[in-house]
Each structure stands twice: as C-alpha cells, then as structure tokens.
Protein backbone atom coordinates (compact mmCIF):
# COMPACT_ATOMS: atom_id res chain seq x y z
CA UNK A 1 -15.42 -10.67 -26.41
CA UNK A 2 -19.19 -10.81 -26.52
CA UNK A 3 -19.60 -7.06 -26.64
CA UNK A 4 -17.59 -6.88 -29.88
CA UNK A 5 -20.43 -8.58 -31.81
CA UNK A 6 -22.88 -6.01 -33.04
CA UNK A 7 -26.54 -6.75 -33.73
CA UNK A 8 -26.19 -6.05 -37.45
CA UNK A 9 -23.41 -8.68 -37.81
CA UNK A 10 -25.14 -11.34 -35.73
CA UNK A 11 -27.90 -13.73 -36.50
CA UNK A 12 -30.68 -14.35 -34.02
CA UNK A 13 -29.08 -17.69 -33.07
CA UNK A 14 -25.75 -16.10 -32.17
CA UNK A 15 -27.51 -13.57 -29.94
CA UNK A 16 -29.47 -16.35 -28.23
CA UNK A 17 -26.25 -18.26 -27.54
CA UNK A 18 -24.66 -15.13 -26.12
CA UNK A 19 -27.67 -14.51 -23.85
CA UNK A 20 -27.56 -18.09 -22.56
CA UNK A 21 -23.81 -17.90 -21.87
CA UNK A 22 -24.12 -14.58 -20.07
CA UNK A 23 -27.14 -15.62 -18.02
CA UNK A 24 -25.50 -18.91 -16.96
CA UNK A 25 -22.39 -17.03 -15.82
CA UNK A 26 -24.53 -14.69 -13.76
CA UNK A 27 -26.52 -17.54 -12.21
CA UNK A 28 -23.32 -19.42 -11.37
CA UNK A 29 -21.91 -16.29 -9.76
CA UNK A 30 -25.11 -15.69 -7.82
CA UNK A 31 -25.23 -19.33 -6.72
CA UNK A 32 -21.65 -19.15 -5.50
CA UNK A 33 -22.36 -15.96 -3.57
CA UNK A 34 -25.58 -17.40 -2.14
CA UNK A 35 -23.78 -20.57 -1.05
CA UNK A 36 -21.00 -18.57 0.59
CA UNK A 37 -23.51 -16.33 2.38
CA UNK A 38 -25.55 -19.26 3.68
CA UNK A 39 -22.40 -21.00 4.91
CA UNK A 40 -20.93 -17.91 6.55
CA UNK A 41 -24.12 -16.37 7.95
CA UNK A 42 -24.22 -18.47 11.15
CA UNK A 43 -20.56 -17.69 11.81
CA UNK A 44 -21.08 -13.97 11.26
CA UNK A 45 -24.24 -13.99 13.36
CA UNK A 46 -22.32 -15.62 16.22
CA UNK A 47 -19.64 -12.92 16.21
CA UNK A 48 -22.10 -10.04 15.76
CA UNK A 49 -24.17 -11.51 18.61
CA UNK A 50 -21.11 -11.39 20.88
CA UNK A 51 -20.49 -7.78 19.86
CA UNK A 52 -24.11 -6.82 20.55
CA UNK A 53 -24.00 -8.52 23.96
CA UNK A 54 -20.87 -6.55 24.89
CA UNK A 55 -22.40 -3.28 23.67
CA UNK A 56 -25.62 -4.00 25.59
CA UNK A 57 -23.71 -4.76 28.79
CA UNK A 58 -21.82 -1.47 28.53
CA UNK A 59 -24.99 0.46 27.71
CA UNK A 60 -26.82 -1.05 30.70
CA UNK A 61 -23.90 -0.24 32.98
CA UNK A 62 -23.55 3.20 31.37
CA UNK A 63 -19.83 2.54 31.06
CA UNK A 64 -17.62 3.86 28.26
CA UNK A 65 -16.27 1.53 25.64
CA UNK A 66 -13.34 1.67 23.24
CA UNK A 67 -15.29 1.13 20.02
CA UNK A 68 -12.17 1.14 17.81
CA UNK A 69 -10.56 -1.74 19.68
CA UNK A 70 -13.86 -3.58 19.98
CA UNK A 71 -14.45 -3.41 16.22
CA UNK A 72 -10.85 -4.41 15.54
CA UNK A 73 -11.29 -7.46 17.79
CA UNK A 74 -14.51 -8.30 15.93
CA UNK A 75 -12.63 -8.04 12.63
CA UNK A 76 -9.81 -10.35 13.77
CA UNK A 77 -12.26 -12.86 15.28
CA UNK A 78 -14.23 -13.08 12.03
CA UNK A 79 -11.19 -13.18 9.75
CA UNK A 80 -9.47 -15.84 11.86
CA UNK A 81 -12.65 -17.94 11.92
CA UNK A 82 -13.06 -17.68 8.15
CA UNK A 83 -9.36 -18.18 7.41
CA UNK A 84 -8.30 -20.79 9.95
CA UNK A 85 -11.63 -22.34 10.94
CA UNK A 86 -11.04 -21.18 14.51
CA UNK A 87 -11.65 -17.75 15.99
CA UNK A 88 -9.05 -15.85 17.97
CA UNK A 89 -11.89 -15.10 20.45
CA UNK A 90 -10.55 -11.66 21.26
CA UNK A 91 -14.06 -10.39 22.01
CA UNK A 92 -14.90 -13.11 24.51
CA UNK A 93 -11.48 -13.58 26.09
CA UNK A 94 -10.68 -9.85 26.08
CA UNK A 95 -7.16 -10.71 25.01
CA UNK A 96 -5.69 -10.61 21.53
CA UNK A 97 -3.79 -13.46 19.97
CA UNK A 98 -0.05 -12.77 20.43
CA UNK A 99 0.53 -12.69 16.66
CA UNK A 100 -2.12 -9.94 16.30
CA UNK A 101 -0.70 -8.02 19.24
CA UNK A 102 2.74 -8.09 17.67
CA UNK A 103 1.34 -7.10 14.28
CA UNK A 104 -0.46 -4.10 15.79
CA UNK A 105 2.65 -3.00 17.67
CA UNK A 106 4.64 -3.11 14.44
CA UNK A 107 2.06 -1.62 12.08
CA UNK A 108 3.59 1.89 12.06
CA UNK A 109 7.01 0.46 11.28
CA UNK A 110 5.55 -1.83 8.62
CA UNK A 111 3.64 1.10 7.08
CA UNK A 112 6.82 3.16 6.96
CA UNK A 113 8.74 0.27 5.38
CA UNK A 114 6.07 -0.29 2.75
CA UNK A 115 6.36 3.35 1.73
CA UNK A 116 10.15 3.03 1.55
CA UNK A 117 10.52 -0.32 -0.18
CA UNK A 118 14.29 -0.15 -0.88
CA UNK A 119 14.89 0.41 2.82
CA UNK A 120 12.54 -2.49 3.60
CA UNK A 121 14.68 -4.89 1.56
CA UNK A 122 17.76 -3.86 3.51
CA UNK A 123 16.09 -4.01 6.94
CA UNK A 124 14.48 -7.40 6.36
CA UNK A 125 17.99 -8.88 6.00
CA UNK A 126 18.78 -8.04 9.62
CA UNK A 127 18.79 -11.27 11.66
CA UNK A 128 16.27 -10.19 14.31
CA UNK A 129 13.84 -8.92 11.64
CA UNK A 130 14.17 -12.12 9.64
CA UNK A 131 13.61 -14.12 12.82
CA UNK A 132 10.28 -12.33 13.49
CA UNK A 133 9.17 -12.69 9.88
CA UNK A 134 9.95 -16.41 10.00
CA UNK A 135 8.01 -16.72 13.27
CA UNK A 136 4.95 -15.09 11.67
CA UNK A 137 5.20 -17.29 8.59
CA UNK A 138 5.62 -20.38 10.77
CA UNK A 139 2.61 -19.47 12.89
CA UNK A 140 0.48 -18.86 9.79
CA UNK A 141 1.61 -22.14 8.22
CA UNK A 142 0.78 -24.08 11.40
CA UNK A 143 -2.67 -22.47 11.60
CA UNK A 144 -3.44 -23.42 8.00
CA UNK A 145 -2.23 -27.00 8.58
CA UNK A 146 -4.55 -27.30 11.58
CA UNK A 147 -7.45 -26.04 9.49
CA UNK A 148 -6.74 -28.62 6.77
CA UNK A 149 -6.77 -31.39 9.41
CA UNK A 150 -10.20 -30.28 10.60
CA UNK A 151 -11.42 -30.14 7.00
CA UNK A 152 -12.99 -26.67 6.97
C-alpha cells in the first residue's frame, strides 16, 4: 500500500508518517527476532555443546561416526525442545524417541503417498493405517498438553 504513493502526489507530512510506520514495523520485527534469539540461544548452545562433545570424543578415539544420523538426532533434539519444552535427548541417550523411529521407518512410504495423493486418501482409510495415525496424533496432543502444564 505504501509503495503506491509517489513522491509527486505526497506531501512531506505523508512521507514522514510512512517512514515512521515502516521504521516501527522493522524495529518491532527486529525486537521480536532478538527476543527469540536471546531466549533460544542457551537451548541451542546446550545441544550444540553435546554435539561438539560427541564429535571430540570420536576424533580423540579416531573412531568413525555416522554424521547423518548424528545431525538428524541433533535436529530432533532441538525441535522437540523448542516445540514441547522437553528434548528427546537422542544425542545423549543414543536412542531415538519411538515416535521418531516409527516416522523414519515410514518416511519412504509417506513420501510415496504424498506424491500420489488420491492413493493416500484410500490407504488412510485402512484400519491399521488409521490406528497409527491416531497414535501419532494422540502422542503429539499429549506432548503439547504437558508443555502447556509446564508453561513454556
């Protein structure tokens, strides 16, 4: 909307108002990003610290490491901590949450179904598929309820 006003049609006052509105939107956006970064930085530092410790241990022992799985565990630990207020701790416990394990086992099938949406609608009606989908939804709902209780 603001870009539709040309300088020749506007008075100096209108341009000043536009500048104030635009600069306050930018400051608000920056403040929101800054607040989010300051709140999340300790959490991210904790998880990256765990990753660096694991990498250092493997480097010192000169042992190979599965970087893909390690980074995936880091991802799920961070996302679960940000989403549910509690990490899955896959990096520290060296075991994935069962819901993540099931998701990863099914990802090829899910990818295929997403590419063939009409088939997906038919398959999801099968009782055993619906049962698994309901289990995932129930788990997710319970995790969000627990987070609300904690107040994160």
